Amino acid sequence: MGAFLCCWLPFFTWYIYDALCGELCPETPPVVVSVLFWIGYVNSALNPLIYALFNRDFRYSRSTHSRWSKLVPIESHYAISY
């Protein structure tokens, strides 16, 4: 949630400001708009890293199905019982 807010809050803040101000506000330079969009797009690049680091089921699945599973020990509290 924190990465999402950090990545998209600047864009949505600008977007609301620009929509409410209309013609009264100075025009935002196109490069600033592009940077705000790309900061938001970085969130998509961060999502796989966030899932890999913080999702217990994802870590368990990754470690049991990878060829490195013998090198990476799985803690007992991460094991899934069916």
C-alpha atoms as a PDB file:
ATOM      1  CA  MET A   1       0.000   0.000   0.000  1.00  0.00           C
ATOM      2  CA  GLY A   2       2.859   2.354   0.801  1.00  0.00           C
ATOM      3  CA  ALA A   3       4.527   1.875  -2.586  1.00  0.00           C
ATOM      4  CA  PHE A   4       1.230   2.509  -4.354  1.00  0.00           C
ATOM      5  CA  LEU A   5       0.679   5.756  -2.465  1.00  0.00           C
ATOM      6  CA  CYS A   6       4.234   6.953  -2.989  1.00  0.00           C
ATOM      7  CA  CYS A   7       4.062   6.235  -6.694  1.00  0.00           C
ATOM      8  CA  TRP A   8       0.572   7.490  -7.542  1.00  0.00           C
ATOM      9  CA  LEU A   9      -0.096  10.256  -5.010  1.00  0.00           C
ATOM     10  CA  PRO A  10       1.950  12.896  -6.875  1.00  0.00           C
ATOM     11  CA  PHE A  11       0.063  12.206 -10.104  1.00  0.00           C
ATOM     12  CA  PHE A  12      -3.399  12.268  -8.555  1.00  0.00           C
ATOM     13  CA  THR A  13      -2.564  15.374  -6.529  1.00  0.00           C
ATOM     14  CA  TRP A  14      -1.526  17.179  -9.710  1.00  0.00           C
ATOM     15  CA  TYR A  15      -4.516  15.811 -11.627  1.00  0.00           C
ATOM     16  CA  ILE A  16      -7.071  17.044  -9.060  1.00  0.00           C
ATOM     17  CA  TYR A  17      -5.269  20.387  -8.726  1.00  0.00           C
ATOM     18  CA  ASP A  18      -5.275  20.850 -12.502  1.00  0.00           C
ATOM     19  CA  ALA A  19      -8.938  19.832 -12.841  1.00  0.00           C
ATOM     20  CA  LEU A  20     -10.122  22.156 -10.072  1.00  0.00           C
ATOM     21  CA  CYS A  21      -7.993  25.107 -11.126  1.00  0.00           C
ATOM     22  CA  GLY A  22      -8.846  24.994 -14.800  1.00  0.00           C
ATOM     23  CA  GLU A  23      -7.829  28.129 -16.677  1.00  0.00           C
ATOM     24  CA  LEU A  24      -6.816  30.018 -13.527  1.00  0.00           C
ATOM     25  CA  CYS A  25      -3.672  27.946 -12.933  1.00  0.00           C
ATOM     26  CA  PRO A  26      -0.552  28.127 -15.064  1.00  0.00           C
ATOM     27  CA  GLU A  27      -0.134  25.274 -17.528  1.00  0.00           C
ATOM     28  CA  THR A  28       1.984  22.381 -16.267  1.00  0.00           C
ATOM     29  CA  PRO A  29       5.030  21.696 -18.438  1.00  0.00           C
ATOM     30  CA  PRO A  30       4.702  18.444 -20.423  1.00  0.00           C
ATOM     31  CA  VAL A  31       7.909  17.072 -18.943  1.00  0.00           C
ATOM     32  CA  VAL A  32       6.432  17.350 -15.420  1.00  0.00           C
ATOM     33  CA  VAL A  33       3.305  15.495 -16.535  1.00  0.00           C
ATOM     34  CA  SER A  34       5.468  12.757 -18.097  1.00  0.00           C
ATOM     35  CA  VAL A  35       7.533  12.399 -14.932  1.00  0.00           C
ATOM     36  CA  LEU A  36       4.389  12.136 -12.807  1.00  0.00           C
ATOM     37  CA  PHE A  37       3.020   9.420 -15.101  1.00  0.00           C
ATOM     38  CA  TRP A  38       6.297   7.479 -15.046  1.00  0.00           C
ATOM     39  CA  ILE A  39       6.536   7.620 -11.263  1.00  0.00           C
ATOM     40  CA  GLY A  40       3.117   5.975 -11.254  1.00  0.00           C
ATOM     41  CA  TYR A  41       4.235   3.383 -13.787  1.00  0.00           C
ATOM     42  CA  VAL A  42       7.188   2.479 -11.562  1.00  0.00           C
ATOM     43  CA  ASN A  43       4.604   0.992  -9.215  1.00  0.00           C
ATOM     44  CA  SER A  44       4.004  -1.780 -11.764  1.00  0.00           C
ATOM     45  CA  ALA A  45       7.708  -2.584 -11.740  1.00  0.00           C
ATOM     46  CA  LEU A  46       7.756  -2.659  -7.941  1.00  0.00           C
ATOM     47  CA  ASN A  47       4.771  -5.020  -7.574  1.00  0.00           C
ATOM     48  CA  PRO A  48       6.666  -8.265  -8.357  1.00  0.00           C
ATOM     49  CA  LEU A  49       9.373  -7.295  -5.885  1.00  0.00           C
ATOM     50  CA  ILE A  50       6.833  -6.453  -3.205  1.00  0.00           C
ATOM     51  CA  TYR A  51       4.999  -9.751  -3.693  1.00  0.00           C
ATOM     52  CA  ALA A  52       8.256 -11.724  -3.664  1.00  0.00           C
ATOM     53  CA  LEU A  53       9.414 -10.133  -0.437  1.00  0.00           C
ATOM     54  CA  PHE A  54       6.237  -9.890   1.613  1.00  0.00           C
ATOM     55  CA  ASN A  55       3.729 -12.530   0.454  1.00  0.00           C
ATOM     56  CA  ARG A  56       4.204 -15.711   2.474  1.00  0.00           C
ATOM     57  CA  ASP A  57       2.495 -17.991  -0.054  1.00  0.00           C
ATOM     58  CA  PHE A  58       4.468 -16.533  -2.944  1.00  0.00           C
ATOM     59  CA  ARG A  59       7.764 -17.091  -1.092  1.00  0.00           C
ATOM     60  CA  TYR A  60       6.793 -20.659  -0.258  1.00  0.00           C
ATOM     61  CA  SER A  61       5.788 -21.447  -3.834  1.00  0.00           C
ATOM     62  CA  ARG A  62       8.891 -19.828  -5.275  1.00  0.00           C
ATOM     63  CA  SER A  63      11.224 -21.686  -2.948  1.00  0.00           C
ATOM     64  CA  THR A  64       9.638 -25.116  -3.450  1.00  0.00           C
ATOM     65  CA  HIS A  65       9.399 -24.888  -7.234  1.00  0.00           C
ATOM     66  CA  SER A  66      12.760 -23.397  -8.033  1.00  0.00           C
ATOM     67  CA  ARG A  67      15.953 -25.306  -8.690  1.00  0.00           C
ATOM     68  CA  TRP A  68      17.520 -23.331  -5.843  1.00  0.00           C
ATOM     69  CA  SER A  69      15.102 -24.813  -3.298  1.00  0.00           C
ATOM     70  CA  LYS A  70      17.799 -27.048  -1.834  1.00  0.00           C
ATOM     71  CA  LEU A  71      19.973 -23.999  -1.169  1.00  0.00           C
ATOM     72  CA  VAL A  72      17.237 -21.852   0.377  1.00  0.00           C
ATOM     73  CA  PRO A  73      15.827 -23.343   3.593  1.00  0.00           C
ATOM     74  CA  ILE A  74      12.131 -22.852   4.266  1.00  0.00           C
ATOM     75  CA  GLU A  75      11.193 -21.897   7.793  1.00  0.00           C
ATOM     76  CA  SER A  76       8.534 -24.157   9.291  1.00  0.00           C
ATOM     77  CA  HIS A  77       6.064 -21.303   9.860  1.00  0.00           C
ATOM     78  CA  TYR A  78       6.009 -20.640   6.102  1.00  0.00           C
ATOM     79  CA  ALA A  79       4.926 -24.165   5.239  1.00  0.00           C
ATOM     80  CA  ILE A  80       1.382 -24.579   4.014  1.00  0.00           C
ATOM     81  CA  SER A  81      -0.597 -27.517   5.354  1.00  0.00           C
ATOM     82  CA  TYR A  82      -3.457 -28.907   3.341  1.00  0.00           C
END
